[in-house]
C-alpha atoms as a PDB file:
ATOM      1  CA  MET A   1     -70.986 -53.864  13.173  1.00  0.00           C
ATOM      2  CA  ALA A   2     -67.452 -55.248  12.886  1.00  0.00           C
ATOM      3  CA  ASP A   3     -66.456 -58.719  11.755  1.00  0.00           C
ATOM      4  CA  HIS A   4     -65.607 -61.301  14.422  1.00  0.00           C
ATOM      5  CA  PHE A   5     -62.308 -63.102  13.857  1.00  0.00           C
ATOM      6  CA  GLY A   6     -59.573 -65.169  15.510  1.00  0.00           C
ATOM      7  CA  GLY A   7     -57.130 -63.963  18.094  1.00  0.00           C
ATOM      8  CA  ASN A   8     -53.461 -63.217  18.508  1.00  0.00           C
ATOM      9  CA  TRP A   9     -52.511 -64.942  15.249  1.00  0.00           C
ATOM     10  CA  THR A  10     -54.738 -62.466  13.396  1.00  0.00           C
ATOM     11  CA  ILE A  11     -52.958 -59.565  15.089  1.00  0.00           C
ATOM     12  CA  THR A  12     -49.602 -61.029  14.024  1.00  0.00           C
ATOM     13  CA  LYS A  13     -50.796 -61.337  10.424  1.00  0.00           C
ATOM     14  CA  LEU A  14     -52.049 -57.750  10.302  1.00  0.00           C
ATOM     15  CA  ARG A  15     -48.958 -56.294  11.980  1.00  0.00           C
ATOM     16  CA  THR A  16     -46.780 -58.065   9.433  1.00  0.00           C
ATOM     17  CA  LEU A  17     -48.839 -56.509   6.652  1.00  0.00           C
ATOM     18  CA  ASN A  18     -48.632 -53.071   8.304  1.00  0.00           C
ATOM     19  CA  ASP A  19     -44.861 -53.268   8.703  1.00  0.00           C
ATOM     20  CA  TYR A  20     -44.389 -54.303   5.099  1.00  0.00           C
ATOM     21  CA  LEU A  21     -46.589 -51.507   3.744  1.00  0.00           C
ATOM     22  CA  GLU A  22     -44.655 -48.942   5.803  1.00  0.00           C
ATOM     23  CA  ALA A  23     -41.321 -50.254   4.501  1.00  0.00           C
ATOM     24  CA  TYR A  24     -42.601 -50.508   0.927  1.00  0.00           C
ATOM     25  CA  LYS A  25     -43.742 -46.887   0.803  1.00  0.00           C
ATOM     26  CA  LYS A  26     -40.596 -45.655   2.521  1.00  0.00           C
ATOM     27  CA  ILE A  27     -38.544 -47.110  -0.331  1.00  0.00           C
ATOM     28  CA  PHE A  28     -40.728 -45.419  -2.946  1.00  0.00           C
ATOM     29  CA  ASP A  29     -40.512 -42.087  -1.128  1.00  0.00           C
ATOM     30  CA  LYS A  30     -36.698 -42.148  -0.972  1.00  0.00           C
ATOM     31  CA  ASN A  31     -36.040 -43.376  -4.511  1.00  0.00           C
ATOM     32  CA  LEU A  32     -36.550 -40.679  -7.162  1.00  0.00           C
ATOM     33  CA  LYS A  33     -37.013 -43.259  -9.913  1.00  0.00           C
ATOM     34  CA  ALA A  34     -39.562 -45.166  -7.847  1.00  0.00           C
ATOM     35  CA  GLN A  35     -41.501 -41.955  -7.241  1.00  0.00           C
ATOM     36  CA  SER A  36     -42.458 -41.914 -10.910  1.00  0.00           C
ATOM     37  CA  PHE A  37     -44.707 -44.952 -10.365  1.00  0.00           C
ATOM     38  CA  THR A  38     -48.336 -44.828  -9.268  1.00  0.00           C
ATOM     39  CA  THR A  39     -48.660 -47.031  -6.194  1.00  0.00           C
ATOM     40  CA  HIS A  40     -51.655 -49.239  -5.448  1.00  0.00           C
ATOM     41  CA  TYR A  41     -52.774 -51.270  -2.452  1.00  0.00           C
ATOM     42  CA  ILE A  42     -55.269 -54.017  -3.298  1.00  0.00           C
ATOM     43  CA  ASP A  43     -57.233 -55.890  -0.639  1.00  0.00           C
ATOM     44  CA  ALA A  44     -59.165 -58.667  -2.362  1.00  0.00           C
ATOM     45  CA  PHE A  45     -61.162 -59.823   0.701  1.00  0.00           C
ATOM     46  CA  ALA A  46     -61.516 -56.476   2.430  1.00  0.00           C
ATOM     47  CA  GLY A  47     -64.343 -57.230   4.883  1.00  0.00           C
ATOM     48  CA  LYS A  48     -65.866 -54.264   6.730  1.00  0.00           C
ATOM     49  CA  GLY A  49     -62.757 -52.469   7.909  1.00  0.00           C
ATOM     50  CA  ASP A  50     -62.887 -53.446  11.593  1.00  0.00           C
ATOM     51  CA  LEU A  51     -62.400 -56.682  13.512  1.00  0.00           C
ATOM     52  CA  VAL A  52     -63.736 -57.736  16.905  1.00  0.00           C
ATOM     53  CA  PHE A  53     -61.993 -60.365  19.005  1.00  0.00           C
ATOM     54  CA  GLU A  54     -64.089 -62.077  21.635  1.00  0.00           C
ATOM     55  CA  ASP A  55     -61.103 -63.673  23.370  1.00  0.00           C
ATOM     56  CA  SER A  56     -58.357 -62.079  25.448  1.00  0.00           C
ATOM     57  CA  ILE A  57     -55.841 -60.290  23.215  1.00  0.00           C
ATOM     58  CA  GLU A  58     -52.156 -60.394  24.205  1.00  0.00           C
ATOM     59  CA  GLY A  59     -52.935 -61.366  27.765  1.00  0.00           C
ATOM     60  CA  ASN A  60     -55.570 -58.705  28.416  1.00  0.00           C
ATOM     61  CA  LEU A  61     -57.713 -60.654  30.854  1.00  0.00           C
ATOM     62  CA  PHE A  62     -60.001 -57.767  31.708  1.00  0.00           C
ATOM     63  CA  GLU A  63     -61.630 -57.227  28.317  1.00  0.00           C
ATOM     64  CA  MET A  64     -63.888 -59.895  26.881  1.00  0.00           C
ATOM     65  CA  GLU A  65     -64.020 -58.058  23.572  1.00  0.00           C
ATOM     66  CA  ALA A  66     -61.284 -56.119  21.788  1.00  0.00           C
ATOM     67  CA  HIS A  67     -61.634 -54.000  18.641  1.00  0.00           C
ATOM     68  CA  TYR A  68     -58.864 -53.865  16.071  1.00  0.00           C
ATOM     69  CA  PRO A  69     -58.618 -52.239  12.641  1.00  0.00           C
ATOM     70  CA  GLY A  70     -58.870 -54.660   9.733  1.00  0.00           C
ATOM     71  CA  SER A  71     -56.491 -54.758   6.783  1.00  0.00           C
ATOM     72  CA  ALA A  72     -58.292 -51.941   4.917  1.00  0.00           C
ATOM     73  CA  LYS A  73     -57.916 -49.483   7.796  1.00  0.00           C
ATOM     74  CA  ILE A  74     -54.356 -50.595   8.480  1.00  0.00           C
ATOM     75  CA  ALA A  75     -53.428 -49.750   4.893  1.00  0.00           C
ATOM     76  CA  LEU A  76     -55.075 -46.330   5.218  1.00  0.00           C
ATOM     77  CA  HIS A  77     -53.256 -45.642   8.498  1.00  0.00           C
ATOM     78  CA  ILE A  78     -49.675 -45.940   7.207  1.00  0.00           C
ATOM     79  CA  LYS A  79     -47.569 -42.766   7.373  1.00  0.00           C
ATOM     80  CA  SER A  80     -47.028 -42.382   3.636  1.00  0.00           C
ATOM     81  CA  PRO A  81     -50.243 -43.288   1.783  1.00  0.00           C
ATOM     82  CA  PHE A  82     -50.603 -45.162  -1.486  1.00  0.00           C
ATOM     83  CA  ASP A  83     -51.871 -43.308  -4.530  1.00  0.00           C
ATOM     84  CA  HIS A  84     -54.839 -45.664  -4.796  1.00  0.00           C
ATOM     85  CA  TYR A  85     -56.594 -48.178  -2.548  1.00  0.00           C
ATOM     86  CA  HIS A  86     -58.676 -50.948  -4.115  1.00  0.00           C
ATOM     87  CA  PHE A  87     -60.997 -52.818  -1.741  1.00  0.00           C
ATOM     88  CA  ILE A  88     -62.811 -55.860  -3.147  1.00  0.00           C
ATOM     89  CA  GLU A  89     -65.648 -57.444  -1.182  1.00  0.00           C
ATOM     90  CA  LYS A  90     -68.356 -59.842  -2.366  1.00  0.00           C
ATOM     91  CA  ASP A  91     -70.817 -59.076   0.442  1.00  0.00           C
ATOM     92  CA  ARG A  92     -72.877 -55.947  -0.298  1.00  0.00           C
ATOM     93  CA  SER A  93     -73.380 -54.961   3.352  1.00  0.00           C
ATOM     94  CA  ARG A  94     -69.643 -55.065   3.956  1.00  0.00           C
ATOM     95  CA  CYS A  95     -69.081 -52.916   0.891  1.00  0.00           C
ATOM     96  CA  GLN A  96     -71.435 -50.347   2.360  1.00  0.00           C
ATOM     97  CA  LYS A  97     -69.283 -50.234   5.503  1.00  0.00           C
ATOM     98  CA  LEU A  98     -66.173 -49.849   3.344  1.00  0.00           C
ATOM     99  CA  GLU A  99     -67.784 -46.893   1.587  1.00  0.00           C
ATOM    100  CA  GLU A 100     -67.908 -45.163   4.989  1.00  0.00           C
ATOM    101  CA  LEU A 101     -64.104 -45.112   5.000  1.00  0.00           C
ATOM    102  CA  LYS A 102     -64.231 -42.324   2.430  1.00  0.00           C
ATOM    103  CA  GLY A 103     -65.863 -40.145   5.068  1.00  0.00           C
ATOM    104  CA  GLN A 104     -63.575 -41.287   7.891  1.00  0.00           C
ATOM    105  CA  TYR A 105     -60.469 -40.622   5.801  1.00  0.00           C
ATOM    106  CA  ALA A 106     -61.395 -37.454   3.929  1.00  0.00           C
ATOM    107  CA  TRP A 107     -57.930 -37.163   2.358  1.00  0.00           C
ATOM    108  CA  ALA A 108     -58.460 -40.571   0.723  1.00  0.00           C
ATOM    109  CA  LYS A 109     -61.932 -39.902  -0.717  1.00  0.00           C
ATOM    110  CA  ASP A 110     -60.665 -39.932  -4.296  1.00  0.00           C
ATOM    111  CA  ARG A 111     -58.065 -42.613  -3.651  1.00  0.00           C
ATOM    112  CA  VAL A 112     -60.368 -45.313  -2.276  1.00  0.00           C
ATOM    113  CA  HIS A 113     -62.151 -47.548  -4.787  1.00  0.00           C
ATOM    114  CA  ILE A 114     -64.729 -50.122  -3.663  1.00  0.00           C
ATOM    115  CA  TYR A 115     -65.622 -53.161  -5.776  1.00  0.00           C
ATOM    116  CA  ASN A 116     -68.655 -55.287  -4.900  1.00  0.00           C
ATOM    117  CA  GLY A 117     -68.034 -58.573  -6.659  1.00  0.00           C
ATOM    118  CA  ASP A 118     -66.032 -61.763  -7.073  1.00  0.00           C
ATOM    119  CA  CYS A 119     -62.379 -61.526  -6.081  1.00  0.00           C
ATOM    120  CA  THR A 120     -60.979 -63.162  -9.221  1.00  0.00           C
ATOM    121  CA  GLN A 121     -63.076 -61.170 -11.652  1.00  0.00           C
ATOM    122  CA  GLU A 122     -62.606 -57.784  -9.991  1.00  0.00           C
ATOM    123  CA  LEU A 123     -58.897 -58.242  -9.300  1.00  0.00           C
ATOM    124  CA  THR A 124     -58.264 -59.330 -12.890  1.00  0.00           C
ATOM    125  CA  LYS A 125     -60.007 -56.189 -14.170  1.00  0.00           C
ATOM    126  CA  ILE A 126     -57.931 -53.965 -11.880  1.00  0.00           C
ATOM    127  CA  LEU A 127     -54.653 -55.565 -12.924  1.00  0.00           C
ATOM    128  CA  LYS A 128     -55.513 -55.212 -16.609  1.00  0.00           C
ATOM    129  CA  SER A 129     -55.764 -51.454 -16.106  1.00  0.00           C
ATOM    130  CA  PHE A 130     -52.145 -51.260 -14.865  1.00  0.00           C
ATOM    131  CA  HIS A 131     -49.067 -50.670 -17.022  1.00  0.00           C
ATOM    132  CA  ILE A 132     -45.606 -52.079 -16.332  1.00  0.00           C
ATOM    133  CA  THR A 133     -43.902 -48.700 -16.793  1.00  0.00           C
ATOM    134  CA  LYS A 134     -46.369 -46.731 -14.691  1.00  0.00           C
ATOM    135  CA  ASP A 135     -47.789 -48.832 -11.849  1.00  0.00           C
ATOM    136  CA  ARG A 136     -46.663 -50.867  -8.839  1.00  0.00           C
ATOM    137  CA  ALA A 137     -48.898 -52.665  -6.331  1.00  0.00           C
ATOM    138  CA  VAL A 138     -49.074 -54.641  -3.121  1.00  0.00           C
ATOM    139  CA  ILE A 139     -51.851 -57.227  -3.012  1.00  0.00           C
ATOM    140  CA  PHE A 140     -53.180 -58.780   0.191  1.00  0.00           C
ATOM    141  CA  LEU A 141     -55.132 -62.016  -0.289  1.00  0.00           C
ATOM    142  CA  ASP A 142     -56.814 -63.120   2.934  1.00  0.00           C
ATOM    143  CA  PRO A 143     -59.470 -65.565   1.689  1.00  0.00           C
ATOM    144  CA  PHE A 144     -62.195 -67.471   3.473  1.00  0.00           C
ATOM    145  CA  GLY A 145     -61.161 -71.085   2.942  1.00  0.00           C
ATOM    146  CA  MET A 146     -59.809 -72.264  -0.392  1.00  0.00           C
ATOM    147  CA  HIS A 147     -61.101 -69.401  -2.537  1.00  0.00           C
ATOM    148  CA  VAL A 148     -57.820 -68.449  -4.229  1.00  0.00           C
ATOM    149  CA  GLU A 149     -57.139 -70.641  -7.240  1.00  0.00           C
ATOM    150  CA  PHE A 150     -53.760 -70.980  -8.906  1.00  0.00           C
ATOM    151  CA  ASP A 151     -54.865 -69.343 -12.152  1.00  0.00           C
ATOM    152  CA  LEU A 152     -55.427 -66.088 -10.249  1.00  0.00           C
ATOM    153  CA  LEU A 153     -51.909 -66.307  -8.823  1.00  0.00           C
ATOM    154  CA  LYS A 154     -50.586 -66.776 -12.367  1.00  0.00           C
ATOM    155  CA  THR A 155     -52.440 -63.632 -13.424  1.00  0.00           C
ATOM    156  CA  ILE A 156     -50.844 -61.704 -10.548  1.00  0.00           C
ATOM    157  CA  ALA A 157     -47.358 -63.061 -11.274  1.00  0.00           C
ATOM    158  CA  LYS A 158     -47.551 -62.215 -14.986  1.00  0.00           C
ATOM    159  CA  THR A 159     -48.033 -58.506 -14.272  1.00  0.00           C
ATOM    160  CA  LYS A 160     -44.393 -58.158 -13.155  1.00  0.00           C
ATOM    161  CA  MET A 161     -45.653 -55.268 -11.006  1.00  0.00           C
ATOM    162  CA  VAL A 162     -46.966 -56.860  -7.809  1.00  0.00           C
ATOM    163  CA  ASP A 163     -45.746 -57.848  -4.360  1.00  0.00           C
ATOM    164  CA  LEU A 164     -48.126 -60.412  -2.889  1.00  0.00           C
ATOM    165  CA  TRP A 165     -49.012 -61.446   0.656  1.00  0.00           C
ATOM    166  CA  ILE A 166     -51.350 -64.443   0.731  1.00  0.00           C
ATOM    167  CA  LEU A 167     -52.827 -66.284   3.705  1.00  0.00           C
ATOM    168  CA  VAL A 168     -52.718 -70.008   2.917  1.00  0.00           C
ATOM    169  CA  PRO A 169     -55.031 -72.420   4.816  1.00  0.00           C
ATOM    170  CA  HIS A 170     -52.528 -75.259   4.636  1.00  0.00           C
ATOM    171  CA  ALA A 171     -53.529 -76.825   7.966  1.00  0.00           C
ATOM    172  CA  VAL A 172     -57.188 -75.845   8.468  1.00  0.00           C
ATOM    173  CA  GLY A 173     -58.064 -76.127   4.789  1.00  0.00           C
ATOM    174  CA  PHE A 174     -55.853 -78.309   2.622  1.00  0.00           C
ATOM    175  CA  MET A 175     -54.897 -80.932   5.200  1.00  0.00           C
ATOM    176  CA  ARG A 176     -58.499 -81.477   6.262  1.00  0.00           C
ATOM    177  CA  GLN A 177     -59.481 -82.276   2.678  1.00  0.00           C
ATOM    178  CA  LEU A 178     -56.751 -84.896   2.299  1.00  0.00           C
ATOM    179  CA  GLN A 179     -58.337 -88.099   3.566  1.00  0.00           C
ATOM    180  CA  LYS A 180     -55.922 -90.608   5.065  1.00  0.00           C
ATOM    181  CA  ASP A 181     -56.875 -93.325   2.591  1.00  0.00           C
ATOM    182  CA  GLY A 182     -56.945 -91.057  -0.467  1.00  0.00           C
ATOM    183  CA  GLU A 183     -60.717 -91.417  -0.886  1.00  0.00           C
ATOM    184  CA  ILE A 184     -61.396 -87.825  -1.921  1.00  0.00           C
ATOM    185  CA  ILE A 185     -64.707 -87.006  -3.584  1.00  0.00           C
ATOM    186  CA  ASP A 186     -64.507 -85.650  -7.123  1.00  0.00           C
ATOM    187  CA  SER A 187     -65.718 -82.128  -6.247  1.00  0.00           C
ATOM    188  CA  VAL A 188     -63.062 -81.721  -3.540  1.00  0.00           C
ATOM    189  CA  ARG A 189     -60.358 -83.211  -5.728  1.00  0.00           C
ATOM    190  CA  GLY A 190     -61.284 -80.802  -8.516  1.00  0.00           C
ATOM    191  CA  LYS A 191     -61.113 -77.884  -6.109  1.00  0.00           C
ATOM    192  CA  LEU A 192     -57.650 -78.931  -4.956  1.00  0.00           C
ATOM    193  CA  ASP A 193     -56.576 -79.289  -8.600  1.00  0.00           C
ATOM    194  CA  ARG A 194     -57.532 -75.643  -9.148  1.00  0.00           C
ATOM    195  CA  VAL A 195     -55.956 -74.426  -5.900  1.00  0.00           C
ATOM    196  CA  PHE A 196     -52.631 -76.162  -6.575  1.00  0.00           C
ATOM    197  CA  GLY A 197     -52.739 -75.576 -10.324  1.00  0.00           C
ATOM    198  CA  GLU A 198     -51.920 -79.183 -11.160  1.00  0.00           C
ATOM    199  CA  THR A 199     -53.189 -82.730 -10.657  1.00  0.00           C
ATOM    200  CA  ASP A 200     -49.795 -84.181  -9.733  1.00  0.00           C
ATOM    201  CA  TRP A 201     -50.298 -83.192  -6.081  1.00  0.00           C
ATOM    202  CA  PHE A 202     -52.116 -86.475  -5.455  1.00  0.00           C
ATOM    203  CA  GLU A 203     -49.107 -88.600  -6.377  1.00  0.00           C
ATOM    204  CA  LYS A 204     -46.912 -86.353  -4.229  1.00  0.00           C
ATOM    205  CA  PHE A 205     -49.141 -86.513  -1.164  1.00  0.00           C
ATOM    206  CA  TYR A 206     -50.049 -90.213  -1.228  1.00  0.00           C
ATOM    207  CA  LYS A 207     -47.934 -93.355  -1.297  1.00  0.00           C
ATOM    208  CA  GLU A 208     -48.870 -96.879  -2.311  1.00  0.00           C
ATOM    209  CA  TYR A 209     -48.122 -99.725   0.097  1.00  0.00           C
ATOM    210  CA  SER A 210     -48.510-103.456  -0.362  1.00  0.00           C
ATOM    211  CA  VAL A 211     -50.158-105.221   2.563  1.00  0.00           C
ATOM    212  CA  GLU A 212     -51.391-108.722   3.245  1.00  0.00           C
ATOM    213  CA  ASN A 213     -55.132-109.007   3.795  1.00  0.00           C
ATOM    214  CA  LEU A 214     -56.984-111.469   6.051  1.00  0.00           C
ATOM    215  CA  PHE A 215     -56.835-114.127   3.347  1.00  0.00           C
ATOM    216  CA  GLY A 216     -53.075-113.932   2.945  1.00  0.00           C
ATOM    217  CA  GLU A 217     -53.356-112.098  -0.348  1.00  0.00           C
ATOM    218  CA  GLU A 218     -51.378-108.968  -1.167  1.00  0.00           C
ATOM    219  CA  GLU A 219     -53.305-105.810  -1.917  1.00  0.00           C
ATOM    220  CA  THR A 220     -52.284-102.221  -2.555  1.00  0.00           C
ATOM    221  CA  ILE A 221     -53.502 -99.415  -0.311  1.00  0.00           C
ATOM    222  CA  LEU A 222     -53.017 -95.653  -0.373  1.00  0.00           C
ATOM    223  CA  ILE A 223     -51.826 -93.748   2.679  1.00  0.00           C
ATOM    224  CA  LYS A 224     -51.458 -89.996   3.114  1.00  0.00           C
ATOM    225  CA  ALA A 225     -47.732 -89.255   3.318  1.00  0.00           C
ATOM    226  CA  VAL A 226     -47.629 -85.486   3.807  1.00  0.00           C
ATOM    227  CA  ASN A 227     -47.736 -83.317   6.932  1.00  0.00           C
ATOM    228  CA  GLU A 228     -48.497 -79.600   7.406  1.00  0.00           C
ATOM    229  CA  LYS A 229     -44.844 -78.581   7.039  1.00  0.00           C
ATOM    230  CA  GLU A 230     -44.356 -80.535   3.818  1.00  0.00           C
ATOM    231  CA  LEU A 231     -47.628 -79.250   2.426  1.00  0.00           C
ATOM    232  CA  ILE A 232     -46.715 -75.577   2.813  1.00  0.00           C
ATOM    233  CA  GLU A 233     -43.232 -76.293   1.436  1.00  0.00           C
ATOM    234  CA  TYR A 234     -44.938 -77.734  -1.649  1.00  0.00           C
ATOM    235  CA  TYR A 235     -47.155 -74.641  -1.952  1.00  0.00           C
ATOM    236  CA  VAL A 236     -44.170 -72.305  -1.679  1.00  0.00           C
ATOM    237  CA  LEU A 237     -42.428 -74.270  -4.446  1.00  0.00           C
ATOM    238  CA  ARG A 238     -45.522 -73.861  -6.623  1.00  0.00           C
ATOM    239  CA  LEU A 239     -45.428 -70.104  -6.019  1.00  0.00           C
ATOM    240  CA  GLY A 240     -41.749 -70.113  -6.953  1.00  0.00           C
ATOM    241  CA  GLU A 241     -42.593 -71.593 -10.353  1.00  0.00           C
ATOM    242  CA  ILE A 242     -44.591 -68.501 -11.360  1.00  0.00           C
ATOM    243  CA  PHE A 243     -43.204 -65.578  -9.311  1.00  0.00           C
ATOM    244  CA  HIS A 244     -39.743 -64.107  -9.767  1.00  0.00           C
ATOM    245  CA  LYS A 245     -38.876 -64.624  -6.091  1.00  0.00           C
ATOM    246  CA  VAL A 246     -40.653 -66.111  -3.078  1.00  0.00           C
ATOM    247  CA  ALA A 247     -39.830 -65.884   0.624  1.00  0.00           C
ATOM    248  CA  PRO A 248     -38.688 -69.462   1.350  1.00  0.00           C
ATOM    249  CA  ASN A 249     -40.036 -69.683   4.897  1.00  0.00           C
ATOM    250  CA  PRO A 250     -43.580 -68.343   5.322  1.00  0.00           C
ATOM    251  CA  LEU A 251     -44.907 -67.038   8.607  1.00  0.00           C
ATOM    252  CA  ILE A 252     -46.655 -69.962  10.303  1.00  0.00           C
ATOM    253  CA  LEU A 253     -49.619 -68.735  12.328  1.00  0.00           C
ATOM    254  CA  LYS A 254     -50.725 -70.840  15.292  1.00  0.00           C
ATOM    255  CA  ASN A 255     -53.756 -70.899  17.553  1.00  0.00           C
ATOM    256  CA  THR A 256     -53.730 -70.592  21.346  1.00  0.00           C
ATOM    257  CA  LYS A 257     -52.810 -74.287  21.614  1.00  0.00           C
ATOM    258  CA  ASN A 258     -49.693 -73.650  19.490  1.00  0.00           C
ATOM    259  CA  ILE A 259     -51.130 -75.678  16.612  1.00  0.00           C
ATOM    260  CA  PRO A 260     -50.368 -74.429  13.064  1.00  0.00           C
ATOM    261  CA  ILE A 261     -53.496 -73.206  11.258  1.00  0.00           C
ATOM    262  CA  PHE A 262     -52.391 -70.829   8.470  1.00  0.00           C
ATOM    263  CA  ALA A 263     -49.252 -69.762   6.639  1.00  0.00           C
ATOM    264  CA  LEU A 264     -48.651 -66.183   5.495  1.00  0.00           C
ATOM    265  CA  CYS A 265     -46.654 -66.381   2.265  1.00  0.00           C
ATOM    266  CA  PHE A 266     -44.884 -63.646   0.312  1.00  0.00           C
ATOM    267  CA  ALA A 267     -44.031 -63.509  -3.389  1.00  0.00           C
ATOM    268  CA  ALA A 268     -42.597 -60.785  -5.633  1.00  0.00           C
ATOM    269  CA  SER A 269     -43.229 -60.565  -9.374  1.00  0.00           C
ATOM    270  CA  ASN A 270     -41.018 -57.631 -10.371  1.00  0.00           C
ATOM    271  CA  GLU A 271     -37.485 -58.663 -11.325  1.00  0.00           C
ATOM    272  CA  LYS A 272     -35.737 -55.424 -10.342  1.00  0.00           C
ATOM    273  CA  GLY A 273     -37.535 -54.914  -7.049  1.00  0.00           C
ATOM    274  CA  SER A 274     -37.849 -58.512  -5.945  1.00  0.00           C
ATOM    275  CA  GLU A 275     -34.512 -58.800  -4.122  1.00  0.00           C
ATOM    276  CA  THR A 276     -35.295 -55.868  -1.822  1.00  0.00           C
ATOM    277  CA  ALA A 277     -38.894 -56.994  -1.387  1.00  0.00           C
ATOM    278  CA  ILE A 278     -37.873 -60.503  -0.338  1.00  0.00           C
ATOM    279  CA  LYS A 279     -35.232 -59.118   2.029  1.00  0.00           C
ATOM    280  CA  ILE A 280     -37.853 -57.006   3.826  1.00  0.00           C
ATOM    281  CA  ALA A 281     -40.425 -59.805   3.912  1.00  0.00           C
ATOM    282  CA  ARG A 282     -37.928 -62.343   5.268  1.00  0.00           C
ATOM    283  CA  HIS A 283     -36.844 -59.910   7.979  1.00  0.00           C
ATOM    284  CA  LEU A 284     -40.436 -59.347   9.078  1.00  0.00           C
ATOM    285  CA  ILE A 285     -41.254 -63.063   9.029  1.00  0.00           C
ATOM    286  CA  GLU A 286     -38.151 -63.961  11.033  1.00  0.00           C
ATOM    287  CA  LYS A 287     -38.925 -61.184  13.533  1.00  0.00           C
ATOM    288  CA  LYS A 288     -42.458 -62.511  14.041  1.00  0.00           C
ATOM    289  CA  HIS A 289     -41.169 -66.086  14.388  1.00  0.00           C
ATOM    290  CA  GLY A 290     -38.680 -64.854  16.982  1.00  0.00           C
END
């Protein structure tokens, strides 16, 4: 059985990933020096391999259900394959479905590696096995909610070998946790500390105002002073503090009501390859926005 997910915004996200992977491998195939590297694709929330959309896709009013390959299959479908594919999935039943890919793509039997476990732990292990002079990788982080903490992003950035696409729940995740009056429970505040990698976010997102109460006395209140656009700009700046280069304008994904829900961000950790990587990513993002 396939996973059930979103709609057109999901298609846009996956097509952006597909286009980048095609361009990435084309560069490696044409550059003799680049060909000396072992290339890796890492999908840290790989799912089952297929998606099912229960709504109309791209105006198809005659099908109530549409099937579409997930990120794992999209990566396996590109014209010039990676040397290795690493699929991480915490759910055991989904891992079993991913194992079936080795039979569906016989050529990739020895290239596909399945990891049943926690994203942070498994991804960290994989990255530790890489070497700066031998390996290059593209990582796709498509988490459920706020599962990607900033320490993991630091680990990725420090490799100097990785191009990263990350789906950020700035509107459906972060904004919903930011109460208007700043009354955020400790567990949520701690989670946001770990996601943003600092505690200063609170002072940046909330402003103090002096108001007069019913008794004519002045009191100080907190009011949320950040919107979705400012929040993702802040997140991109945080990425820029640890990665060599970051695409300045992420791809904003919207629902059928044209309301922003996610942002697809891109960051490059390798100094020599980052300029080309950012150029490609920006082109793809601008094309999708257009």
